[in-house]
C-alpha atoms as a PDB file:
ATOM      1  CA  UNK A   1      -8.567  14.186 -15.590  1.00  0.00           C
ATOM      2  CA  UNK A   2      -8.934  10.704 -17.182  1.00  0.00           C
ATOM      3  CA  UNK A   3      -6.436   7.891 -16.594  1.00  0.00           C
ATOM      4  CA  UNK A   4      -6.137   5.066 -19.229  1.00  0.00           C
ATOM      5  CA  UNK A   5      -7.569   1.854 -17.533  1.00  0.00           C
ATOM      6  CA  UNK A   6      -6.122  -1.525 -19.438  1.00  0.00           C
ATOM      7  CA  UNK A   7      -6.513  -4.283 -16.990  1.00  0.00           C
ATOM      8  CA  UNK A   8      -4.879  -7.500 -17.980  1.00  0.00           C
ATOM      9  CA  UNK A   9      -5.950 -10.864 -16.484  1.00  0.00           C
ATOM     10  CA  UNK A  10      -2.718 -12.966 -17.072  1.00  0.00           C
ATOM     11  CA  UNK A  11      -1.109  -9.912 -16.093  1.00  0.00           C
ATOM     12  CA  UNK A  12      -2.476  -9.497 -12.914  1.00  0.00           C
ATOM     13  CA  UNK A  13      -2.182 -13.361 -12.641  1.00  0.00           C
ATOM     14  CA  UNK A  14       1.734 -13.294 -13.135  1.00  0.00           C
ATOM     15  CA  UNK A  15       1.485 -10.535 -10.604  1.00  0.00           C
ATOM     16  CA  UNK A  16      -0.332 -12.671  -7.236  1.00  0.00           C
ATOM     17  CA  UNK A  17       2.263 -15.733  -8.356  1.00  0.00           C
ATOM     18  CA  UNK A  18       5.137 -13.147  -8.210  1.00  0.00           C
ATOM     19  CA  UNK A  19       4.045 -12.127  -4.738  1.00  0.00           C
ATOM     20  CA  UNK A  20       3.284 -15.677  -3.666  1.00  0.00           C
ATOM     21  CA  UNK A  21       6.326 -17.104  -4.378  1.00  0.00           C
ATOM     22  CA  UNK A  22       8.450 -14.091  -3.212  1.00  0.00           C
ATOM     23  CA  UNK A  23       9.708 -13.646  -7.279  1.00  0.00           C
ATOM     24  CA  UNK A  24      10.918 -10.145  -8.838  1.00  0.00           C
ATOM     25  CA  UNK A  25       7.607  -8.866 -10.548  1.00  0.00           C
ATOM     26  CA  UNK A  26       8.998  -8.169 -13.999  1.00  0.00           C
ATOM     27  CA  UNK A  27       7.518  -5.163 -16.867  1.00  0.00           C
ATOM     28  CA  UNK A  28       5.696  -6.562 -19.085  1.00  0.00           C
ATOM     29  CA  UNK A  29       7.962  -4.903 -22.053  1.00  0.00           C
ATOM     30  CA  UNK A  30      11.241  -5.275 -22.739  1.00  0.00           C
ATOM     31  CA  UNK A  31      11.073  -1.676 -22.698  1.00  0.00           C
ATOM     32  CA  UNK A  32      10.524  -1.256 -19.080  1.00  0.00           C
ATOM     33  CA  UNK A  33       7.695  -0.147 -16.677  1.00  0.00           C
ATOM     34  CA  UNK A  34       4.520   1.659 -18.330  1.00  0.00           C
ATOM     35  CA  UNK A  35       1.778   3.352 -16.216  1.00  0.00           C
ATOM     36  CA  UNK A  36      -0.507   0.717 -16.862  1.00  0.00           C
ATOM     37  CA  UNK A  37       2.090  -2.031 -15.501  1.00  0.00           C
ATOM     38  CA  UNK A  38       2.744   0.109 -12.458  1.00  0.00           C
ATOM     39  CA  UNK A  39      -0.670   0.775 -11.649  1.00  0.00           C
ATOM     40  CA  UNK A  40      -1.684  -3.277 -12.249  1.00  0.00           C
ATOM     41  CA  UNK A  41       0.978  -3.914 -10.128  1.00  0.00           C
ATOM     42  CA  UNK A  42      -0.186  -1.649  -7.058  1.00  0.00           C
ATOM     43  CA  UNK A  43      -3.648  -2.710  -7.597  1.00  0.00           C
ATOM     44  CA  UNK A  44      -2.738  -6.463  -7.281  1.00  0.00           C
ATOM     45  CA  UNK A  45      -0.696  -5.426  -4.595  1.00  0.00           C
ATOM     46  CA  UNK A  46      -3.462  -3.008  -2.973  1.00  0.00           C
ATOM     47  CA  UNK A  47      -5.432  -6.482  -3.489  1.00  0.00           C
ATOM     48  CA  UNK A  48      -2.539  -8.684  -1.110  1.00  0.00           C
ATOM     49  CA  UNK A  49      -2.707  -6.115   1.780  1.00  0.00           C
ATOM     50  CA  UNK A  50      -6.745  -5.570   1.282  1.00  0.00           C
ATOM     51  CA  UNK A  51      -7.045  -9.974   1.862  1.00  0.00           C
ATOM     52  CA  UNK A  52      -5.012 -10.519   4.119  1.00  0.00           C
ATOM     53  CA  UNK A  53      -5.580  -7.155   6.580  1.00  0.00           C
ATOM     54  CA  UNK A  54      -8.941  -7.954   7.676  1.00  0.00           C
ATOM     55  CA  UNK A  55      -8.164 -11.031   9.490  1.00  0.00           C
ATOM     56  CA  UNK A  56      -5.129  -9.998  11.480  1.00  0.00           C
ATOM     57  CA  UNK A  57      -4.260  -7.061  13.920  1.00  0.00           C
ATOM     58  CA  UNK A  58      -1.665  -5.119  12.635  1.00  0.00           C
ATOM     59  CA  UNK A  59       1.056  -6.927  14.662  1.00  0.00           C
ATOM     60  CA  UNK A  60      -0.013  -9.780  12.443  1.00  0.00           C
ATOM     61  CA  UNK A  61      -2.016 -11.607  14.936  1.00  0.00           C
ATOM     62  CA  UNK A  62      -5.693 -12.848  13.887  1.00  0.00           C
ATOM     63  CA  UNK A  63      -8.274 -10.963  15.220  1.00  0.00           C
ATOM     64  CA  UNK A  64     -12.006 -12.394  16.144  1.00  0.00           C
ATOM     65  CA  UNK A  65     -14.323 -12.848  12.457  1.00  0.00           C
ATOM     66  CA  UNK A  66     -16.475 -10.523  13.931  1.00  0.00           C
ATOM     67  CA  UNK A  67     -14.098  -7.928  14.151  1.00  0.00           C
ATOM     68  CA  UNK A  68     -12.791  -8.667  10.937  1.00  0.00           C
ATOM     69  CA  UNK A  69     -16.062  -8.100   9.131  1.00  0.00           C
ATOM     70  CA  UNK A  70     -16.234  -4.721  10.838  1.00  0.00           C
ATOM     71  CA  UNK A  71     -13.170  -4.117   9.836  1.00  0.00           C
ATOM     72  CA  UNK A  72     -13.739  -5.324   5.695  1.00  0.00           C
ATOM     73  CA  UNK A  73     -15.736  -2.348   5.501  1.00  0.00           C
ATOM     74  CA  UNK A  74     -13.053   0.619   6.094  1.00  0.00           C
ATOM     75  CA  UNK A  75      -9.972  -1.326   5.210  1.00  0.00           C
ATOM     76  CA  UNK A  76     -10.153   0.368   1.231  1.00  0.00           C
ATOM     77  CA  UNK A  77     -10.490   3.909   3.207  1.00  0.00           C
ATOM     78  CA  UNK A  78      -7.887   2.705   5.275  1.00  0.00           C
ATOM     79  CA  UNK A  79      -5.651   0.919   2.742  1.00  0.00           C
ATOM     80  CA  UNK A  80      -5.774   4.234   0.549  1.00  0.00           C
ATOM     81  CA  UNK A  81      -4.970   6.419   3.363  1.00  0.00           C
ATOM     82  CA  UNK A  82      -2.040   3.939   3.741  1.00  0.00           C
ATOM     83  CA  UNK A  83      -0.730   4.676   0.404  1.00  0.00           C
ATOM     84  CA  UNK A  84      -1.050   7.957  -0.175  1.00  0.00           C
ATOM     85  CA  UNK A  85       0.966   8.435   2.830  1.00  0.00           C
ATOM     86  CA  UNK A  86       3.627   6.020   1.718  1.00  0.00           C
ATOM     87  CA  UNK A  87       3.059   8.595  -1.443  1.00  0.00           C
ATOM     88  CA  UNK A  88       3.641  11.322   0.119  1.00  0.00           C
ATOM     89  CA  UNK A  89       6.862   9.620   1.673  1.00  0.00           C
ATOM     90  CA  UNK A  90       8.321   9.140  -1.690  1.00  0.00           C
ATOM     91  CA  UNK A  91       7.836  12.413  -2.815  1.00  0.00           C
ATOM     92  CA  UNK A  92       9.416  14.253   0.299  1.00  0.00           C
ATOM     93  CA  UNK A  93      12.247  11.751  -0.442  1.00  0.00           C
ATOM     94  CA  UNK A  94      12.255  12.087  -4.262  1.00  0.00           C
ATOM     95  CA  UNK A  95      12.884  15.703  -3.478  1.00  0.00           C
ATOM     96  CA  UNK A  96      15.164  15.468  -0.650  1.00  0.00           C
ATOM     97  CA  UNK A  97      13.194  16.359   1.834  1.00  0.00           C
ATOM     98  CA  UNK A  98      12.518  13.266   3.816  1.00  0.00           C
ATOM     99  CA  UNK A  99      16.199  12.964   5.991  1.00  0.00           C
ATOM    100  CA  UNK A 100      15.109  16.506   7.473  1.00  0.00           C
ATOM    101  CA  UNK A 101      11.984  15.225   8.877  1.00  0.00           C
ATOM    102  CA  UNK A 102      12.311  11.222   9.372  1.00  0.00           C
ATOM    103  CA  UNK A 103      14.764   8.874   9.814  1.00  0.00           C
ATOM    104  CA  UNK A 104      15.291   5.998   7.548  1.00  0.00           C
ATOM    105  CA  UNK A 105      12.815   3.567   8.578  1.00  0.00           C
ATOM    106  CA  UNK A 106       9.582   4.615  10.419  1.00  0.00           C
ATOM    107  CA  UNK A 107       6.638   3.494  12.242  1.00  0.00           C
ATOM    108  CA  UNK A 108       3.297   4.680  13.699  1.00  0.00           C
ATOM    109  CA  UNK A 109      -0.531   3.980  13.321  1.00  0.00           C
ATOM    110  CA  UNK A 110      -2.576   6.021  10.919  1.00  0.00           C
ATOM    111  CA  UNK A 111      -6.297   6.138  11.640  1.00  0.00           C
ATOM    112  CA  UNK A 112      -8.899   7.426   9.170  1.00  0.00           C
ATOM    113  CA  UNK A 113     -11.268   9.370  11.228  1.00  0.00           C
ATOM    114  CA  UNK A 114     -14.103  11.765   9.509  1.00  0.00           C
ATOM    115  CA  UNK A 115     -11.681  14.616   9.651  1.00  0.00           C
ATOM    116  CA  UNK A 116      -8.987  12.556   7.788  1.00  0.00           C
ATOM    117  CA  UNK A 117      -6.151  10.357   8.116  1.00  0.00           C
ATOM    118  CA  UNK A 118      -4.210  11.134  11.368  1.00  0.00           C
ATOM    119  CA  UNK A 119      -1.069   9.746  11.554  1.00  0.00           C
ATOM    120  CA  UNK A 120       1.012   9.238  14.563  1.00  0.00           C
ATOM    121  CA  UNK A 121       4.605   8.328  14.915  1.00  0.00           C
ATOM    122  CA  UNK A 122       5.764   5.757  16.880  1.00  0.00           C
ATOM    123  CA  UNK A 123       9.712   5.784  16.158  1.00  0.00           C
ATOM    124  CA  UNK A 124      11.659   7.608  13.092  1.00  0.00           C
ATOM    125  CA  UNK A 125      10.791  10.965  13.440  1.00  0.00           C
ATOM    126  CA  UNK A 126      13.153  13.628  13.468  1.00  0.00           C
ATOM    127  CA  UNK A 127      13.403  16.603  16.098  1.00  0.00           C
END
């Protein structure tokens, strides 16, 4: 499968500026969001997570430069796994399956190992 790529530098700058200011991110067109808009916005937000994640623990506490350097090499894989998990939860939500398995808010730790991602929920699982 091929996916169209249409990078727009000005759009990327706008999205990053909106995130920095805490402002809403508008679609590029009055007709609403396009796939390109969604992918560019997702990429900009992924960059924000990638930029912040290597220098902080998951509770926000700063970490050593050595650990940050080691984490930077795996952060894309880790973030990709988290995004995949979120996408799965959103798919479950849209299909009406989420509430059978989870509370409205969940928390946990997702680790990516040799056998793939492993999600351990610490709060919000039903059953």
